[in-house]
């Protein structure tokens, strides 16, 4: 934050060393940000699945996860899913290249019935 001359709200500690709400990481690229977001979501989804199914191993939980993106999404999302070890499903867009709620809802229903856990 200091290197970019950002406001002190972005700092983990203020000028006199007191811990405050700021902090975090600025990613170097949109692809990197997509990966970090997916990894964070994956970790939270694994915790939730393991709390719902005690004894479920990490790799078993990850094997149940599925992420969604439109057929117009940047390839970095598919790559992020590959790195995260989760399934990725491209959903069709309409004539205006928009992902419609009906398509997402149908995919979630189908995947949930197949034992998958949508998380991203």
Protein backbone atom coordinates (compact mmCIF):
# COMPACT_ATOMS: atom_id res chain seq x y z
CA UNK A 1 0.00 0.00 0.00
CA UNK A 2 2.84 2.37 0.81
CA UNK A 3 4.62 1.66 -2.49
CA UNK A 4 1.44 2.59 -4.37
CA UNK A 5 0.76 5.58 -2.13
CA UNK A 6 -2.64 4.19 -1.14
CA UNK A 7 -4.56 5.64 1.82
CA UNK A 8 -3.58 4.34 5.26
CA UNK A 9 -6.87 2.38 5.36
CA UNK A 10 -5.11 -0.20 3.16
CA UNK A 11 -2.36 -0.78 5.72
CA UNK A 12 -2.47 -3.64 8.20
CA UNK A 13 -0.92 -1.34 10.83
CA UNK A 14 -1.26 2.41 11.12
CA UNK A 15 1.63 4.86 11.43
CA UNK A 16 2.06 4.16 15.17
CA UNK A 17 1.97 0.36 14.82
CA UNK A 18 -1.63 -0.33 15.86
CA UNK A 19 -3.34 -3.17 13.99
CA UNK A 20 -6.31 -2.01 11.95
CA UNK A 21 -8.77 -3.48 9.43
CA UNK A 22 -6.62 -2.97 6.34
CA UNK A 23 -4.30 -5.42 4.68
CA UNK A 24 -4.69 -7.84 1.84
CA UNK A 25 -2.88 -8.46 -1.39
CA UNK A 26 -2.98 -6.70 -4.72
CA UNK A 27 -2.81 -9.33 -7.46
CA UNK A 28 -0.51 -8.92 -10.43
CA UNK A 29 -3.07 -9.90 -13.07
CA UNK A 30 -6.75 -10.70 -13.56
CA UNK A 31 -5.81 -14.36 -14.11
CA UNK A 32 -3.99 -14.44 -10.78
CA UNK A 33 -6.97 -12.81 -9.07
CA UNK A 34 -9.33 -15.42 -10.59
CA UNK A 35 -7.11 -18.23 -9.30
CA UNK A 36 -6.83 -16.77 -5.79
CA UNK A 37 -10.60 -16.21 -5.62
CA UNK A 38 -11.29 -19.77 -6.76
CA UNK A 39 -8.80 -21.26 -4.29
CA UNK A 40 -10.36 -19.28 -1.44
CA UNK A 41 -13.86 -20.38 -2.48
CA UNK A 42 -12.66 -23.99 -2.81
CA UNK A 43 -11.21 -23.96 0.70
CA UNK A 44 -14.44 -22.62 2.19
CA UNK A 45 -16.51 -25.18 0.23
CA UNK A 46 -14.29 -28.03 1.45
CA UNK A 47 -14.76 -26.88 5.07
CA UNK A 48 -18.54 -26.76 4.57
CA UNK A 49 -18.67 -30.20 2.98
CA UNK A 50 -16.52 -31.68 5.74
CA UNK A 51 -18.70 -30.12 8.41
CA UNK A 52 -21.78 -31.62 6.69
CA UNK A 53 -20.05 -34.99 6.16
CA UNK A 54 -17.64 -35.71 9.03
CA UNK A 55 -14.78 -37.96 7.97
CA UNK A 56 -14.81 -36.71 4.36
CA UNK A 57 -11.20 -36.37 3.22
CA UNK A 58 -9.96 -33.22 1.47
CA UNK A 59 -9.48 -34.93 -1.90
CA UNK A 60 -12.96 -36.47 -1.69
CA UNK A 61 -14.51 -33.06 -0.99
CA UNK A 62 -12.56 -31.38 -3.80
CA UNK A 63 -13.70 -34.14 -6.16
CA UNK A 64 -17.32 -33.11 -5.56
CA UNK A 65 -16.79 -29.42 -6.34
CA UNK A 66 -17.85 -27.76 -9.57
CA UNK A 67 -17.34 -24.19 -10.75
CA UNK A 68 -19.34 -22.42 -13.44
CA UNK A 69 -18.53 -19.86 -16.07
CA UNK A 70 -20.19 -18.74 -19.26
CA UNK A 71 -18.97 -19.84 -22.66
CA UNK A 72 -17.74 -16.25 -22.97
CA UNK A 73 -15.61 -16.32 -19.79
CA UNK A 74 -11.88 -15.75 -20.07
CA UNK A 75 -9.80 -18.92 -20.29
CA UNK A 76 -8.16 -18.01 -16.97
CA UNK A 77 -11.24 -19.34 -15.13
CA UNK A 78 -10.92 -22.76 -16.74
CA UNK A 79 -7.19 -22.73 -15.98
CA UNK A 80 -7.86 -21.68 -12.38
CA UNK A 81 -10.24 -24.64 -11.99
CA UNK A 82 -7.59 -26.98 -13.38
CA UNK A 83 -4.98 -25.68 -10.95
CA UNK A 84 -7.49 -25.86 -8.07
CA UNK A 85 -8.31 -29.46 -9.00
CA UNK A 86 -12.04 -28.85 -9.44
CA UNK A 87 -14.48 -29.46 -12.25
CA UNK A 88 -15.40 -26.49 -14.47
CA UNK A 89 -18.54 -26.27 -16.56
CA UNK A 90 -19.04 -23.73 -19.31
CA UNK A 91 -22.64 -22.60 -19.57
CA UNK A 92 -24.24 -21.33 -22.77
CA UNK A 93 -25.01 -17.67 -23.28
CA UNK A 94 -27.89 -16.12 -25.18
CA UNK A 95 -27.79 -14.14 -28.43
CA UNK A 96 -26.55 -11.12 -26.48
CA UNK A 97 -23.72 -13.18 -24.90
CA UNK A 98 -25.36 -13.04 -21.46
CA UNK A 99 -25.54 -15.98 -19.08
CA UNK A 100 -29.21 -16.41 -18.20
CA UNK A 101 -30.40 -17.40 -14.75
CA UNK A 102 -32.37 -20.30 -16.20
CA UNK A 103 -29.20 -21.86 -17.64
CA UNK A 104 -27.37 -21.53 -14.33
CA UNK A 105 -30.34 -22.86 -12.37
CA UNK A 106 -30.64 -25.90 -14.65
CA UNK A 107 -26.91 -26.64 -14.38
CA UNK A 108 -26.98 -26.37 -10.59
CA UNK A 109 -29.99 -28.69 -10.38
CA UNK A 110 -28.43 -31.25 -12.73
CA UNK A 111 -25.04 -31.19 -11.01
CA UNK A 112 -26.50 -31.31 -7.51
CA UNK A 113 -28.57 -34.36 -8.47
CA UNK A 114 -25.35 -35.94 -9.78
CA UNK A 115 -23.75 -35.50 -6.34
CA UNK A 116 -21.66 -32.43 -7.18
CA UNK A 117 -21.39 -29.33 -5.05
CA UNK A 118 -21.51 -26.00 -6.93
CA UNK A 119 -19.22 -23.51 -5.23
CA UNK A 120 -18.07 -20.87 -7.75
